[in-house]
Amino acid sequence: MHDVSHANSLITHSRQSEYVVADKGYDSEAVRKCSENNGAISVIPRRKNSKTGNDGMDWCLYKYRHLVENAFARIKHFRAIATRYDNSEQNYASMVNLAFAMMWLPMWVD
């Protein structure tokens, strides 16, 4: 099942936020209306075949979404995280923290 079918319930059951940032796969008026009804601004680019354009789109904020997505893609290279070897939530969270630390450590070391 596609993710967009669960987007409305995710938006309504999440904490109050200022923005809902998503990729083109979530381009639907139902998702946009749901985010507006919850007091959030939707930052979702329109598909190429959309009749309306991307007027008022905050591209700077959308680029940050891409950075976060890339960070999650990089930590999935750690096998223990991708396959979820750890059974307890605490151990899994520790592995995720360790993976991010190992990923960001080369940025600070010369």
Protein backbone atom coordinates (compact mmCIF):
# COMPACT_ATOMS: atom_id res chain seq x y z
CA MET A 1 0.00 0.00 0.00
CA HIS A 2 1.28 3.44 -0.85
CA ASP A 3 2.38 5.80 1.93
CA VAL A 4 0.06 8.61 0.87
CA SER A 5 -2.96 6.60 2.03
CA HIS A 6 -1.69 6.93 5.63
CA ALA A 7 -0.54 10.55 5.38
CA ASN A 8 -3.75 12.09 6.71
CA SER A 9 -3.78 9.94 9.85
CA LEU A 10 -0.09 10.67 10.41
CA ILE A 11 -0.68 14.41 10.16
CA THR A 12 -3.72 14.40 12.44
CA HIS A 13 -2.12 12.17 15.12
CA SER A 14 1.24 14.00 15.18
CA ARG A 15 2.03 16.93 17.42
CA GLN A 16 1.12 20.40 16.22
CA SER A 17 3.67 21.68 13.71
CA GLU A 18 4.18 24.74 11.57
CA TYR A 19 5.01 22.88 8.37
CA VAL A 20 4.33 19.54 6.69
CA VAL A 21 7.24 18.81 4.36
CA ALA A 22 6.98 15.92 1.92
CA ASP A 23 8.09 14.90 -1.55
CA LYS A 24 6.06 14.76 -4.78
CA GLY A 25 4.64 11.36 -3.85
CA TYR A 26 2.39 13.13 -1.34
CA ASP A 27 1.07 15.68 -3.84
CA SER A 28 -2.67 15.49 -3.27
CA GLU A 29 -5.25 18.04 -2.31
CA ALA A 30 -6.45 15.79 0.53
CA VAL A 31 -3.01 15.90 2.18
CA ARG A 32 -2.76 19.66 1.66
CA LYS A 33 -6.23 20.25 3.15
CA CYS A 34 -5.46 17.98 6.11
CA SER A 35 -2.28 19.91 6.90
CA GLU A 36 -4.11 23.24 6.59
CA ASN A 37 -6.89 22.00 8.89
CA ASN A 38 -4.23 21.17 11.49
CA GLY A 39 -2.71 24.65 11.24
CA ALA A 40 0.36 23.67 9.24
CA ILE A 41 1.70 24.99 5.95
CA SER A 42 2.25 22.23 3.40
CA VAL A 43 5.61 22.28 1.63
CA ILE A 44 4.95 19.68 -1.04
CA PRO A 45 6.02 20.29 -4.64
CA ARG A 46 3.46 19.65 -7.34
CA ARG A 47 3.96 16.88 -9.87
CA LYS A 48 5.06 17.70 -13.39
CA ASN A 49 1.59 17.04 -14.81
CA SER A 50 -0.20 19.26 -12.27
CA LYS A 51 -2.35 22.07 -13.64
CA THR A 52 -1.30 24.45 -10.85
CA GLY A 53 2.30 25.50 -10.37
CA ASN A 54 4.60 25.67 -7.37
CA ASP A 55 3.83 29.29 -6.53
CA GLY A 56 4.74 30.13 -2.96
CA MET A 57 6.77 26.94 -2.51
CA ASP A 58 9.50 27.25 0.13
CA TRP A 59 12.34 25.54 -1.74
CA CYS A 60 14.88 26.25 0.99
CA LEU A 61 12.85 24.29 3.54
CA TYR A 62 12.28 21.53 0.98
CA LYS A 63 16.06 21.15 0.53
CA TYR A 64 16.39 20.46 4.26
CA ARG A 65 13.95 17.56 3.83
CA HIS A 66 16.33 16.12 1.27
CA LEU A 67 19.27 16.39 3.69
CA VAL A 68 17.35 14.51 6.38
CA GLU A 69 16.32 11.84 3.89
CA ASN A 70 19.95 11.39 2.80
CA ALA A 71 21.06 11.05 6.43
CA PHE A 72 18.60 8.21 7.00
CA ALA A 73 19.72 6.55 3.77
CA ARG A 74 23.34 6.69 4.96
CA ILE A 75 22.69 5.14 8.37
CA LYS A 76 20.85 2.27 6.68
CA HIS A 77 24.25 1.18 5.38
CA PHE A 78 24.93 -0.04 8.92
CA ARG A 79 23.63 -3.59 8.84
CA ALA A 80 22.47 -3.65 12.46
CA ILE A 81 20.17 -0.72 11.78
CA ALA A 82 18.86 -1.86 8.41
CA THR A 83 17.95 -5.33 9.69
CA ARG A 84 17.10 -4.22 13.26
CA TYR A 85 19.20 -6.85 15.02
CA ASP A 86 18.60 -5.39 18.47
CA ASN A 87 15.39 -6.53 20.10
CA SER A 88 15.06 -3.83 22.74
CA GLU A 89 14.14 -0.25 21.91
CA GLN A 90 16.99 1.11 24.03
CA ASN A 91 19.66 -0.94 22.24
CA TYR A 92 18.29 -0.01 18.81
CA ALA A 93 18.24 3.69 19.75
CA SER A 94 21.84 3.36 20.94
CA MET A 95 22.86 1.84 17.59
CA VAL A 96 21.15 4.65 15.69
CA ASN A 97 22.96 7.23 17.84
CA LEU A 98 26.26 5.44 17.28
CA ALA A 99 25.70 5.30 13.52
CA PHE A 100 24.98 9.03 13.36
CA ALA A 101 28.04 9.75 15.49
CA MET A 102 30.22 7.65 13.18
CA MET A 103 28.72 9.38 10.17
CA TRP A 104 29.30 12.91 11.53
CA LEU A 105 32.65 12.30 13.21
CA PRO A 106 34.75 12.68 10.01
CA MET A 107 33.29 16.18 9.59
CA TRP A 108 35.01 17.33 12.79
CA VAL A 109 38.32 15.49 12.53
CA ASP A 110 41.05 16.78 10.23
